[in-house]
C-alpha atoms as a PDB file:
ATOM      1  CA  UNK A   1     -27.378 115.979   1.019  1.00  0.00           C
ATOM      2  CA  UNK A   2     -30.218 117.907  -0.689  1.00  0.00           C
ATOM      3  CA  UNK A   3     -31.672 114.812  -2.137  1.00  0.00           C
ATOM      4  CA  UNK A   4     -32.274 113.212   1.243  1.00  0.00           C
ATOM      5  CA  UNK A   5     -35.281 115.362   2.098  1.00  0.00           C
ATOM      6  CA  UNK A   6     -37.273 114.730  -1.047  1.00  0.00           C
ATOM      7  CA  UNK A   7     -36.478 110.971  -0.777  1.00  0.00           C
ATOM      8  CA  UNK A   8     -37.642 110.840   2.776  1.00  0.00           C
ATOM      9  CA  UNK A   9     -40.825 112.860   1.935  1.00  0.00           C
ATOM     10  CA  UNK A  10     -41.611 110.668  -1.030  1.00  0.00           C
ATOM     11  CA  UNK A  11     -40.645 107.478   0.726  1.00  0.00           C
ATOM     12  CA  UNK A  12     -43.156 108.245   3.527  1.00  0.00           C
ATOM     13  CA  UNK A  13     -45.883 108.882   0.932  1.00  0.00           C
ATOM     14  CA  UNK A  14     -45.037 105.672  -0.811  1.00  0.00           C
ATOM     15  CA  UNK A  15     -45.239 103.702   2.405  1.00  0.00           C
ATOM     16  CA  UNK A  16     -48.637 105.293   3.162  1.00  0.00           C
ATOM     17  CA  UNK A  17     -49.866 104.571  -0.326  1.00  0.00           C
ATOM     18  CA  UNK A  18     -48.651 100.968  -0.152  1.00  0.00           C
ATOM     19  CA  UNK A  19     -50.778 100.469   2.990  1.00  0.00           C
ATOM     20  CA  UNK A  20     -53.760 101.959   1.162  1.00  0.00           C
ATOM     21  CA  UNK A  21     -53.222  99.473  -1.662  1.00  0.00           C
ATOM     22  CA  UNK A  22     -53.127  96.538   0.603  1.00  0.00           C
ATOM     23  CA  UNK A  23     -56.464  97.789   2.264  1.00  0.00           C
ATOM     24  CA  UNK A  24     -58.094  98.129  -1.170  1.00  0.00           C
ATOM     25  CA  UNK A  25     -56.774  94.782  -2.390  1.00  0.00           C
ATOM     26  CA  UNK A  26     -58.271  93.194   0.818  1.00  0.00           C
ATOM     27  CA  UNK A  27     -61.615  94.838  -0.033  1.00  0.00           C
ATOM     28  CA  UNK A  28     -61.519  93.524  -3.548  1.00  0.00           C
ATOM     29  CA  UNK A  29     -60.628  89.997  -2.345  1.00  0.00           C
ATOM     30  CA  UNK A  30     -63.325  90.125   0.206  1.00  0.00           C
ATOM     31  CA  UNK A  31     -66.011  91.311  -2.263  1.00  0.00           C
ATOM     32  CA  UNK A  32     -64.842  88.682  -4.842  1.00  0.00           C
ATOM     33  CA  UNK A  33     -65.034  85.918  -2.175  1.00  0.00           C
ATOM     34  CA  UNK A  34     -68.553  87.001  -1.054  1.00  0.00           C
ATOM     35  CA  UNK A  35     -69.783  86.912  -4.656  1.00  0.00           C
ATOM     36  CA  UNK A  36     -68.319  83.513  -5.274  1.00  0.00           C
ATOM     37  CA  UNK A  37     -69.764  82.077  -2.043  1.00  0.00           C
ATOM     38  CA  UNK A  38     -73.270  83.445  -2.654  1.00  0.00           C
ATOM     39  CA  UNK A  39     -73.542  82.946  -6.418  1.00  0.00           C
ATOM     40  CA  UNK A  40     -76.863  81.124  -6.252  1.00  0.00           C
ATOM     41  CA  UNK A  41     -78.429  83.634  -3.945  1.00  0.00           C
ATOM     42  CA  UNK A  42     -77.345  86.523  -6.221  1.00  0.00           C
ATOM     43  CA  UNK A  43     -78.914  84.797  -9.167  1.00  0.00           C
ATOM     44  CA  UNK A  44     -81.995  83.815  -7.371  1.00  0.00           C
ATOM     45  CA  UNK A  45     -82.714  87.339  -6.184  1.00  0.00           C
ATOM     46  CA  UNK A  46     -81.605  89.007  -9.367  1.00  0.00           C
ATOM     47  CA  UNK A  47     -78.837  90.939  -7.754  1.00  0.00           C
ATOM     48  CA  UNK A  48     -76.217  90.559 -10.541  1.00  0.00           C
ATOM     49  CA  UNK A  49     -76.333  94.264 -11.541  1.00  0.00           C
ATOM     50  CA  UNK A  50     -76.059  95.445  -7.879  1.00  0.00           C
ATOM     51  CA  UNK A  51     -73.149  93.115  -7.137  1.00  0.00           C
ATOM     52  CA  UNK A  52     -71.444  94.047 -10.437  1.00  0.00           C
ATOM     53  CA  UNK A  53     -71.684  97.712  -9.466  1.00  0.00           C
ATOM     54  CA  UNK A  54     -70.379  97.102  -5.906  1.00  0.00           C
ATOM     55  CA  UNK A  55     -67.381  95.026  -7.246  1.00  0.00           C
ATOM     56  CA  UNK A  56     -66.757  97.751  -9.877  1.00  0.00           C
ATOM     57  CA  UNK A  57     -66.611 100.451  -7.222  1.00  0.00           C
ATOM     58  CA  UNK A  58     -64.162  98.434  -5.080  1.00  0.00           C
ATOM     59  CA  UNK A  59     -61.996  97.755  -8.166  1.00  0.00           C
ATOM     60  CA  UNK A  60     -61.935 101.425  -9.137  1.00  0.00           C
ATOM     61  CA  UNK A  61     -60.740 102.315  -5.704  1.00  0.00           C
ATOM     62  CA  UNK A  62     -57.875  99.788  -5.931  1.00  0.00           C
ATOM     63  CA  UNK A  63     -56.843 101.143  -9.259  1.00  0.00           C
ATOM     64  CA  UNK A  64     -56.918 104.691  -7.927  1.00  0.00           C
ATOM     65  CA  UNK A  65     -54.733 103.741  -4.972  1.00  0.00           C
ATOM     66  CA  UNK A  66     -52.250 101.927  -7.359  1.00  0.00           C
ATOM     67  CA  UNK A  67     -52.111 104.987  -9.688  1.00  0.00           C
ATOM     68  CA  UNK A  68     -51.301 107.305  -6.790  1.00  0.00           C
ATOM     69  CA  UNK A  69     -48.512 104.912  -5.698  1.00  0.00           C
ATOM     70  CA  UNK A  70     -47.020 104.769  -9.252  1.00  0.00           C
ATOM     71  CA  UNK A  71     -47.298 108.635  -9.483  1.00  0.00           C
ATOM     72  CA  UNK A  72     -45.005 109.063  -6.482  1.00  0.00           C
ATOM     73  CA  UNK A  73     -42.744 106.190  -7.365  1.00  0.00           C
ATOM     74  CA  UNK A  74     -42.152 107.466 -10.933  1.00  0.00           C
ATOM     75  CA  UNK A  75     -41.538 111.010  -9.711  1.00  0.00           C
ATOM     76  CA  UNK A  76     -38.623 110.048  -7.453  1.00  0.00           C
ATOM     77  CA  UNK A  77     -35.909 109.258 -10.023  1.00  0.00           C
ATOM     78  CA  UNK A  78     -36.418 112.564 -12.105  1.00  0.00           C
ATOM     79  CA  UNK A  79     -36.564 114.603  -8.896  1.00  0.00           C
ATOM     80  CA  UNK A  80     -33.246 113.209  -7.707  1.00  0.00           C
ATOM     81  CA  UNK A  81     -31.634 113.837 -11.106  1.00  0.00           C
ATOM     82  CA  UNK A  82     -32.834 117.479 -11.184  1.00  0.00           C
ATOM     83  CA  UNK A  83     -31.648 118.166  -7.737  1.00  0.00           C
ATOM     84  CA  UNK A  84     -28.308 116.566  -8.519  1.00  0.00           C
ATOM     85  CA  UNK A  85     -27.990 118.526 -11.690  1.00  0.00           C
ATOM     86  CA  UNK A  86     -28.748 121.696  -9.853  1.00  0.00           C
ATOM     87  CA  UNK A  87     -26.139 120.812  -7.223  1.00  0.00           C
ATOM     88  CA  UNK A  88     -23.450 120.145  -9.888  1.00  0.00           C
ATOM     89  CA  UNK A  89     -24.332 123.469 -11.715  1.00  0.00           C
ATOM     90  CA  UNK A  90     -24.036 125.371  -8.390  1.00  0.00           C
ATOM     91  CA  UNK A  91     -20.833 123.752  -7.654  1.00  0.00           C
ATOM     92  CA  UNK A  92     -19.377 124.636 -11.087  1.00  0.00           C
ATOM     93  CA  UNK A  93     -20.520 128.172 -10.842  1.00  0.00           C
ATOM     94  CA  UNK A  94     -19.061 128.532  -7.407  1.00  0.00           C
ATOM     95  CA  UNK A  95     -15.750 127.012  -8.525  1.00  0.00           C
ATOM     96  CA  UNK A  96     -15.695 129.346 -11.611  1.00  0.00           C
END
């Protein structure tokens, strides 16, 4: 029963982070589509550096969101094992 609370807490965070990843992925796709659609204009006005930087910022935001998701996802299994081990140890001490 003690593992339910951390699982619910981390599960909510994972769901929130998943939504953030979808939002950031949409931003990356949108920026990529805009750059492909206006390739001639970007070259004509010499905006390559500016568009590269803007795309880089959006991509970094996506990577940051993905890393936060992975952080919580990977913390879940060890947390459950630690709580379970503590519960077993407490049960053995109580039985002794």
